[in-house]
C-alpha atoms as a PDB file:
ATOM      1  CA  MET A   1     -10.632  -7.616  -8.423  1.00  0.00           C
ATOM      2  CA  LEU A   2      -6.689  -7.641  -8.690  1.00  0.00           C
ATOM      3  CA  GLU A   3      -5.333 -10.752 -10.068  1.00  0.00           C
ATOM      4  CA  ILE A   4      -1.560 -11.388 -10.248  1.00  0.00           C
ATOM      5  CA  LYS A   5      -0.694 -14.332 -13.090  1.00  0.00           C
ATOM      6  CA  ASP A   6       2.565 -16.349 -13.168  1.00  0.00           C
ATOM      7  CA  ILE A   7       4.199 -13.571 -11.374  1.00  0.00           C
ATOM      8  CA  THR A   8       8.309 -14.641 -11.404  1.00  0.00           C
ATOM      9  CA  PHE A   9      11.580 -12.790 -10.978  1.00  0.00           C
ATOM     10  CA  SER A  10      14.859 -11.831  -9.741  1.00  0.00           C
ATOM     11  CA  PHE A  11      18.092  -9.358  -9.476  1.00  0.00           C
ATOM     12  CA  ASP A  12      20.476 -11.524 -11.648  1.00  0.00           C
ATOM     13  CA  LYS A  13      19.890 -13.646 -14.718  1.00  0.00           C
ATOM     14  CA  LYS A  14      22.329 -15.703 -13.451  1.00  0.00           C
ATOM     15  CA  GLU A  15      20.945 -16.719 -10.275  1.00  0.00           C
ATOM     16  CA  LYS A  16      19.809 -20.642 -10.611  1.00  0.00           C
ATOM     17  CA  LYS A  17      17.223 -20.184  -8.074  1.00  0.00           C
ATOM     18  CA  PRO A  18      14.895 -16.642  -8.665  1.00  0.00           C
ATOM     19  CA  LEU A  19      13.318 -14.716  -5.565  1.00  0.00           C
ATOM     20  CA  VAL A  20       9.662 -15.753  -6.551  1.00  0.00           C
ATOM     21  CA  LYS A  21       8.057 -18.029  -9.085  1.00  0.00           C
ATOM     22  CA  ASN A  22       5.120 -18.821 -10.043  1.00  0.00           C
ATOM     23  CA  LEU A  23       3.032 -17.072  -7.891  1.00  0.00           C
ATOM     24  CA  SER A  24      -0.655 -16.305  -8.497  1.00  0.00           C
ATOM     25  CA  PHE A  25      -3.675 -15.069  -6.607  1.00  0.00           C
ATOM     26  CA  LYS A  26      -6.951 -13.172  -6.580  1.00  0.00           C
ATOM     27  CA  VAL A  27      -7.719 -10.133  -4.084  1.00  0.00           C
ATOM     28  CA  LYS A  28     -11.419  -9.358  -4.608  1.00  0.00           C
ATOM     29  CA  LYS A  29     -12.939  -5.779  -4.325  1.00  0.00           C
ATOM     30  CA  GLY A  30     -13.493  -5.129  -0.358  1.00  0.00           C
ATOM     31  CA  GLU A  31     -10.729  -7.591   0.202  1.00  0.00           C
ATOM     32  CA  ILE A  32      -7.366  -7.880   2.049  1.00  0.00           C
ATOM     33  CA  LEU A  33      -4.829  -9.832   1.491  1.00  0.00           C
ATOM     34  CA  PHE A  34      -1.930  -9.832   3.732  1.00  0.00           C
ATOM     35  CA  VAL A  35       1.615 -11.234   2.647  1.00  0.00           C
ATOM     36  CA  SER A  36       3.793 -13.249   4.623  1.00  0.00           C
ATOM     37  CA  GLY A  37       7.174 -14.134   4.980  1.00  0.00           C
ATOM     38  CA  LYS A  38      10.687 -13.672   6.519  1.00  0.00           C
ATOM     39  CA  SER A  39      12.575 -10.690   5.301  1.00  0.00           C
ATOM     40  CA  GLY A  40      14.930 -11.053   1.987  1.00  0.00           C
ATOM     41  CA  LEU A  41      12.291 -13.044  -0.028  1.00  0.00           C
ATOM     42  CA  GLY A  42      10.536 -10.469  -2.391  1.00  0.00           C
ATOM     43  CA  LYS A  43       7.326  -9.220  -0.251  1.00  0.00           C
ATOM     44  CA  SER A  44       8.217  -5.398  -0.748  1.00  0.00           C
ATOM     45  CA  THR A  45       9.440  -6.299  -4.457  1.00  0.00           C
ATOM     46  CA  LEU A  46       6.439  -7.915  -5.286  1.00  0.00           C
ATOM     47  CA  LEU A  47       4.168  -4.224  -4.162  1.00  0.00           C
ATOM     48  CA  ASP A  48       7.244  -2.937  -5.699  1.00  0.00           C
ATOM     49  CA  LEU A  49       6.480  -5.075  -9.070  1.00  0.00           C
ATOM     50  CA  ILE A  50       2.624  -4.565  -9.248  1.00  0.00           C
ATOM     51  CA  SER A  51       2.713  -1.363  -8.305  1.00  0.00           C
ATOM     52  CA  GLY A  52       5.443  -0.074 -11.126  1.00  0.00           C
ATOM     53  CA  PHE A  53       7.622   0.398  -8.950  1.00  0.00           C
ATOM     54  CA  HIS A  54       9.751  -1.381  -9.507  1.00  0.00           C
ATOM     55  CA  ASP A  55      14.237  -1.499  -9.427  1.00  0.00           C
ATOM     56  CA  ASN A  56      14.883  -1.135 -13.571  1.00  0.00           C
ATOM     57  CA  ASN A  57      17.501  -4.399 -12.683  1.00  0.00           C
ATOM     58  CA  LEU A  58      14.645  -6.835 -11.638  1.00  0.00           C
ATOM     59  CA  ILE A  59      13.761  -9.193 -14.190  1.00  0.00           C
ATOM     60  CA  TRP A  60      10.424 -11.194 -14.072  1.00  0.00           C
ATOM     61  CA  THR A  61       8.024 -12.729 -16.080  1.00  0.00           C
ATOM     62  CA  GLY A  62       3.950 -12.889 -15.304  1.00  0.00           C
ATOM     63  CA  LYS A  63       0.617 -10.765 -16.103  1.00  0.00           C
ATOM     64  CA  ILE A  64      -0.812  -8.506 -13.379  1.00  0.00           C
ATOM     65  CA  TYR A  65      -4.702  -7.921 -14.310  1.00  0.00           C
ATOM     66  CA  LEU A  66      -6.872  -5.026 -12.195  1.00  0.00           C
ATOM     67  CA  ASN A  67     -10.902  -4.914 -13.235  1.00  0.00           C
ATOM     68  CA  LYS A  68      -9.786  -7.619 -15.651  1.00  0.00           C
ATOM     69  CA  LEU A  69      -7.802  -4.985 -17.373  1.00  0.00           C
ATOM     70  CA  ASP A  70      -4.366  -6.054 -18.364  1.00  0.00           C
ATOM     71  CA  ILE A  71      -2.062  -3.169 -16.274  1.00  0.00           C
ATOM     72  CA  THR A  72       1.263  -5.800 -16.631  1.00  0.00           C
ATOM     73  CA  ASN A  73       3.147  -2.859 -18.653  1.00  0.00           C
ATOM     74  CA  ALA A  74       1.015   0.701 -17.841  1.00  0.00           C
ATOM     75  CA  SER A  75       2.687   3.590 -16.722  1.00  0.00           C
ATOM     76  CA  ILE A  76       1.846   4.177 -12.858  1.00  0.00           C
ATOM     77  CA  GLN A  77       0.089   7.001 -12.815  1.00  0.00           C
ATOM     78  CA  SER A  78      -2.603   4.805 -14.961  1.00  0.00           C
ATOM     79  CA  LYS A  79      -2.786   2.018 -13.422  1.00  0.00           C
ATOM     80  CA  ASN A  80      -4.312   4.088 -10.032  1.00  0.00           C
ATOM     81  CA  ILE A  81      -2.756   2.522  -7.948  1.00  0.00           C
ATOM     82  CA  GLY A  82      -2.413   3.669  -4.032  1.00  0.00           C
ATOM     83  CA  TYR A  83       1.584   2.751  -2.550  1.00  0.00           C
ATOM     84  CA  MET A  84       2.823   3.323   0.626  1.00  0.00           C
ATOM     85  CA  LEU A  85       6.369   2.866   0.479  1.00  0.00           C
ATOM     86  CA  GLN A  86       8.053   1.766   3.675  1.00  0.00           C
ATOM     87  CA  ASP A  87       9.569   4.719   3.179  1.00  0.00           C
ATOM     88  CA  TYR A  88       6.954   6.928   3.002  1.00  0.00           C
ATOM     89  CA  PHE A  89       8.019   9.469   0.918  1.00  0.00           C
ATOM     90  CA  LEU A  90       6.319  12.725   2.523  1.00  0.00           C
ATOM     91  CA  PHE A  91       6.833  15.390   1.299  1.00  0.00           C
ATOM     92  CA  PRO A  92       9.618  17.618   3.165  1.00  0.00           C
ATOM     93  CA  HIS A  93       8.413  20.643   1.883  1.00  0.00           C
ATOM     94  CA  PHE A  94       4.204  20.007   2.829  1.00  0.00           C
ATOM     95  CA  ASN A  95       3.117  20.268   5.727  1.00  0.00           C
ATOM     96  CA  VAL A  96       0.845  17.279   6.225  1.00  0.00           C
ATOM     97  CA  LYS A  97      -2.495  19.052   5.530  1.00  0.00           C
ATOM     98  CA  ASN A  98      -0.473  20.168   2.280  1.00  0.00           C
ATOM     99  CA  ASN A  99       1.043  16.313   2.403  1.00  0.00           C
ATOM    100  CA  LEU A 100      -2.606  14.892   1.721  1.00  0.00           C
ATOM    101  CA  ILE A 101      -4.225  17.949  -0.106  1.00  0.00           C
ATOM    102  CA  PHE A 102      -1.685  16.365  -3.383  1.00  0.00           C
ATOM    103  CA  SER A 103      -2.796  13.444  -3.177  1.00  0.00           C
ATOM    104  CA  LEU A 104      -6.992  14.271  -3.921  1.00  0.00           C
ATOM    105  CA  PRO A 105      -8.465  13.577  -6.841  1.00  0.00           C
ATOM    106  CA  LYS A 106      -7.905  17.152  -9.034  1.00  0.00           C
ATOM    107  CA  GLU A 107     -12.447  17.010  -8.742  1.00  0.00           C
ATOM    108  CA  THR A 108     -12.548  17.062  -5.073  1.00  0.00           C
ATOM    109  CA  LYS A 109     -13.955  19.689  -4.060  1.00  0.00           C
ATOM    110  CA  ASN A 110     -12.805  22.033  -0.381  1.00  0.00           C
ATOM    111  CA  LYS A 111      -9.694  20.038  -0.686  1.00  0.00           C
ATOM    112  CA  LYS A 112      -8.334  22.310   2.679  1.00  0.00           C
ATOM    113  CA  GLU A 113     -11.864  20.504   4.270  1.00  0.00           C
ATOM    114  CA  HIS A 114     -11.703  17.207   3.476  1.00  0.00           C
ATOM    115  CA  ALA A 115      -8.018  16.844   4.234  1.00  0.00           C
ATOM    116  CA  LEU A 116      -8.449  17.677   7.519  1.00  0.00           C
ATOM    117  CA  HIS A 117     -11.588  15.262   7.701  1.00  0.00           C
ATOM    118  CA  PHE A 118      -9.418  13.142   7.382  1.00  0.00           C
ATOM    119  CA  LEU A 119      -7.431  14.055  10.034  1.00  0.00           C
ATOM    120  CA  LYS A 120      -9.614  14.316  12.077  1.00  0.00           C
ATOM    121  CA  LYS A 121     -10.703  10.543  11.561  1.00  0.00           C
ATOM    122  CA  ILE A 122      -7.336   9.185  12.886  1.00  0.00           C
ATOM    123  CA  ASP A 123      -6.265  12.083  15.784  1.00  0.00           C
ATOM    124  CA  MET A 124      -4.084  13.626  14.074  1.00  0.00           C
ATOM    125  CA  VAL A 125      -6.014  17.425  13.120  1.00  0.00           C
ATOM    126  CA  LYS A 126      -3.890  18.764  15.205  1.00  0.00           C
ATOM    127  CA  PHE A 127      -0.713  17.524  12.972  1.00  0.00           C
ATOM    128  CA  SER A 128      -2.822  19.122  10.194  1.00  0.00           C
ATOM    129  CA  ASN A 129       0.566  22.265   9.902  1.00  0.00           C
ATOM    130  CA  HIS A 130       3.278  20.008  10.908  1.00  0.00           C
ATOM    131  CA  TYR A 131       5.809  19.055   8.424  1.00  0.00           C
ATOM    132  CA  PRO A 132       7.266  15.986   8.137  1.00  0.00           C
ATOM    133  CA  SER A 133      10.709  16.629  10.107  1.00  0.00           C
ATOM    134  CA  GLU A 134       7.791  17.186  12.847  1.00  0.00           C
ATOM    135  CA  LEU A 135       6.692  14.043  12.919  1.00  0.00           C
ATOM    136  CA  SER A 136       6.985  10.799  15.083  1.00  0.00           C
ATOM    137  CA  GLY A 137       8.081   7.360  13.392  1.00  0.00           C
ATOM    138  CA  GLY A 138       3.973   6.634  14.230  1.00  0.00           C
ATOM    139  CA  GLN A 139       2.396   9.556  12.849  1.00  0.00           C
ATOM    140  CA  LYS A 140       4.684   9.932   9.997  1.00  0.00           C
ATOM    141  CA  ALA A 141       3.516   6.529   8.765  1.00  0.00           C
ATOM    142  CA  ARG A 142      -0.231   7.092   9.419  1.00  0.00           C
ATOM    143  CA  ILE A 143       0.166   9.778   7.171  1.00  0.00           C
ATOM    144  CA  ALA A 144       1.660   8.929   4.458  1.00  0.00           C
ATOM    145  CA  CYS A 145      -1.344   5.499   4.709  1.00  0.00           C
ATOM    146  CA  LEU A 146      -4.154   7.720   4.621  1.00  0.00           C
ATOM    147  CA  ARG A 147      -2.008  10.013   1.930  1.00  0.00           C
ATOM    148  CA  ALA A 148      -2.415   6.757  -0.475  1.00  0.00           C
ATOM    149  CA  VAL A 149      -5.803   5.865   0.570  1.00  0.00           C
ATOM    150  CA  ILE A 150      -7.540   9.329  -0.547  1.00  0.00           C
ATOM    151  CA  SER A 151      -6.181   9.681  -3.701  1.00  0.00           C
ATOM    152  CA  ASN A 152      -9.540   7.161  -4.231  1.00  0.00           C
ATOM    153  CA  PRO A 153      -7.320   4.291  -6.007  1.00  0.00           C
ATOM    154  CA  GLU A 154      -8.212   0.999  -7.644  1.00  0.00           C
ATOM    155  CA  ALA A 155      -6.106  -0.585  -5.644  1.00  0.00           C
ATOM    156  CA  LEU A 156      -4.325   0.081  -2.317  1.00  0.00           C
ATOM    157  CA  LEU A 157      -0.908  -1.600  -1.609  1.00  0.00           C
ATOM    158  CA  LEU A 158       0.522  -1.035   2.004  1.00  0.00           C
ATOM    159  CA  ASP A 159       4.318  -1.816   3.178  1.00  0.00           C
ATOM    160  CA  GLU A 160       4.915  -2.184   6.862  1.00  0.00           C
ATOM    161  CA  PRO A 161       1.968   1.073   8.037  1.00  0.00           C
ATOM    162  CA  PHE A 162       2.184  -0.299  11.404  1.00  0.00           C
ATOM    163  CA  SER A 163       5.560  -1.244  11.816  1.00  0.00           C
ATOM    164  CA  SER A 164       5.956   2.453  14.244  1.00  0.00           C
ATOM    165  CA  LEU A 165       2.786   2.341  16.211  1.00  0.00           C
ATOM    166  CA  ASP A 166       2.485   1.485  19.457  1.00  0.00           C
ATOM    167  CA  LYS A 167      -0.435  -1.418  20.439  1.00  0.00           C
ATOM    168  CA  THR A 168      -3.897   1.049  21.137  1.00  0.00           C
ATOM    169  CA  THR A 169      -2.384   2.728  17.645  1.00  0.00           C
ATOM    170  CA  ILE A 170      -2.183   0.482  15.287  1.00  0.00           C
ATOM    171  CA  LYS A 171      -6.327  -1.335  16.834  1.00  0.00           C
ATOM    172  CA  SER A 172      -7.589   2.186  15.794  1.00  0.00           C
ATOM    173  CA  PHE A 173      -5.621   2.609  13.099  1.00  0.00           C
ATOM    174  CA  GLN A 174      -6.192  -0.624  11.736  1.00  0.00           C
ATOM    175  CA  LYS A 175      -9.823  -0.600  11.717  1.00  0.00           C
ATOM    176  CA  PHE A 176      -9.841   2.908  10.618  1.00  0.00           C
ATOM    177  CA  LEU A 177      -7.790   1.691   7.568  1.00  0.00           C
ATOM    178  CA  PHE A 178     -10.235  -1.700   6.949  1.00  0.00           C
ATOM    179  CA  ASP A 179     -13.229  -0.166   7.181  1.00  0.00           C
ATOM    180  CA  TYR A 180     -11.785   2.299   4.676  1.00  0.00           C
ATOM    181  CA  VAL A 181     -10.807  -0.507   2.217  1.00  0.00           C
ATOM    182  CA  LYS A 182     -14.496  -1.941   2.062  1.00  0.00           C
ATOM    183  CA  GLU A 183     -15.996   1.697   1.632  1.00  0.00           C
ATOM    184  CA  LEU A 184     -13.817   1.941  -0.977  1.00  0.00           C
ATOM    185  CA  ASN A 185     -14.892  -1.599  -1.814  1.00  0.00           C
ATOM    186  CA  ILE A 186     -11.344  -2.330  -3.624  1.00  0.00           C
ATOM    187  CA  PRO A 187      -7.993  -4.686  -3.326  1.00  0.00           C
ATOM    188  CA  CYS A 188      -5.481  -4.379  -0.809  1.00  0.00           C
ATOM    189  CA  ILE A 189      -2.474  -6.007  -0.872  1.00  0.00           C
ATOM    190  CA  ILE A 190      -0.127  -5.494   2.981  1.00  0.00           C
ATOM    191  CA  VAL A 191       2.718  -6.617   3.640  1.00  0.00           C
ATOM    192  CA  SER A 192       3.078  -6.127   7.614  1.00  0.00           C
ATOM    193  CA  HIS A 193       5.369  -8.394  10.441  1.00  0.00           C
ATOM    194  CA  ARG A 194       2.420  -6.591  13.006  1.00  0.00           C
ATOM    195  CA  LEU A 195      -1.102  -6.669  11.635  1.00  0.00           C
ATOM    196  CA  ILE A 196      -4.352  -7.963  13.971  1.00  0.00           C
ATOM    197  CA  LYS A 197      -5.828 -10.323  11.947  1.00  0.00           C
ATOM    198  CA  ASN A 198      -9.333 -10.448  13.973  1.00  0.00           C
ATOM    199  CA  ILE A 199     -10.839  -9.040  10.934  1.00  0.00           C
ATOM    200  CA  ASN A 200     -13.189  -9.896   8.071  1.00  0.00           C
ATOM    201  CA  ASN A 201     -12.994 -10.633   4.310  1.00  0.00           C
ATOM    202  CA  PHE A 202      -9.360 -10.704   5.076  1.00  0.00           C
ATOM    203  CA  ILE A 203      -6.593 -13.855   3.313  1.00  0.00           C
ATOM    204  CA  GLU A 204      -3.140 -15.183   3.886  1.00  0.00           C
ATOM    205  CA  LEU A 205      -0.696 -15.843   1.422  1.00  0.00           C
ATOM    206  CA  ASN A 206       2.960 -17.036   2.716  1.00  0.00           C
ATOM    207  CA  ILE A 207       5.377 -15.290  -0.035  1.00  0.00           C
ATOM    208  CA  SER A 208       7.904 -18.828   1.008  1.00  0.00           C
ATOM    209  CA  LYS A 209       5.664 -20.954  -0.463  1.00  0.00           C
ATOM    210  CA  PHE A 210       6.825 -19.332  -3.737  1.00  0.00           C
ATOM    211  CA  THR A 211      10.540 -18.886  -3.276  1.00  0.00           C
END
C-alpha cells in the first residue's frame, strides 16, 4: 500500500498559500488512483515528490509510506517506484528493445525475449529496433509507460500516459496496463486528462480540494 500523509508543498517560502495543503490518501495494492484537477494545481509535482524526482526548490512537509515503510527521505533508487514522466525520457542512443532491457530487473533471464514478449502485448514488436527519434508521440508514450511497468516496481506513477494516443489505442493499452497492475498487485497513481473509467479497483482524487 502507498500512503501519503499530510503533504503540503510550494515553491516559495513567501507564498501565503501553498500549491497543495494537508493532502492525505491511501492506494491499496492492485488499486488505481486517478488524480484529477485543472492544470497548474500540482498534480505532476505530487508524482515528482513521491518518486523523489522533485525540484530542489520544492518546499514540502509530510510523510510517504510504501508497504508500511517510511520512504519520505529515501533515495530514488531504494524506493523502487516505477515512474513515467510526461517527457518520456527514453534513451535516444538505445533502440526500443534496449530501452526496455535496461529497465528489467538484473535477475531477469532472457532479457531480450522478455522485452519482445511485452512489445508483442502492446502490438509494437515491429518497432523493437527503432530508435526514439523514429517513433510517434503515442508510440514513445507506450514505450515509456511499459519501461516503468516492467521494472517490477512496488508502486507505479504515470504522468499523462494516454495523452498522445488515439481512442482505439487508449482502450487497448489501458486494458493491458490496468490488467498488469492487478497482476503485479501494486498501487498505481495516474495523472491523465484522457482516461476510460469503466474499470474495477478505480478511485479518483480531485487535487483542487487541497489547494
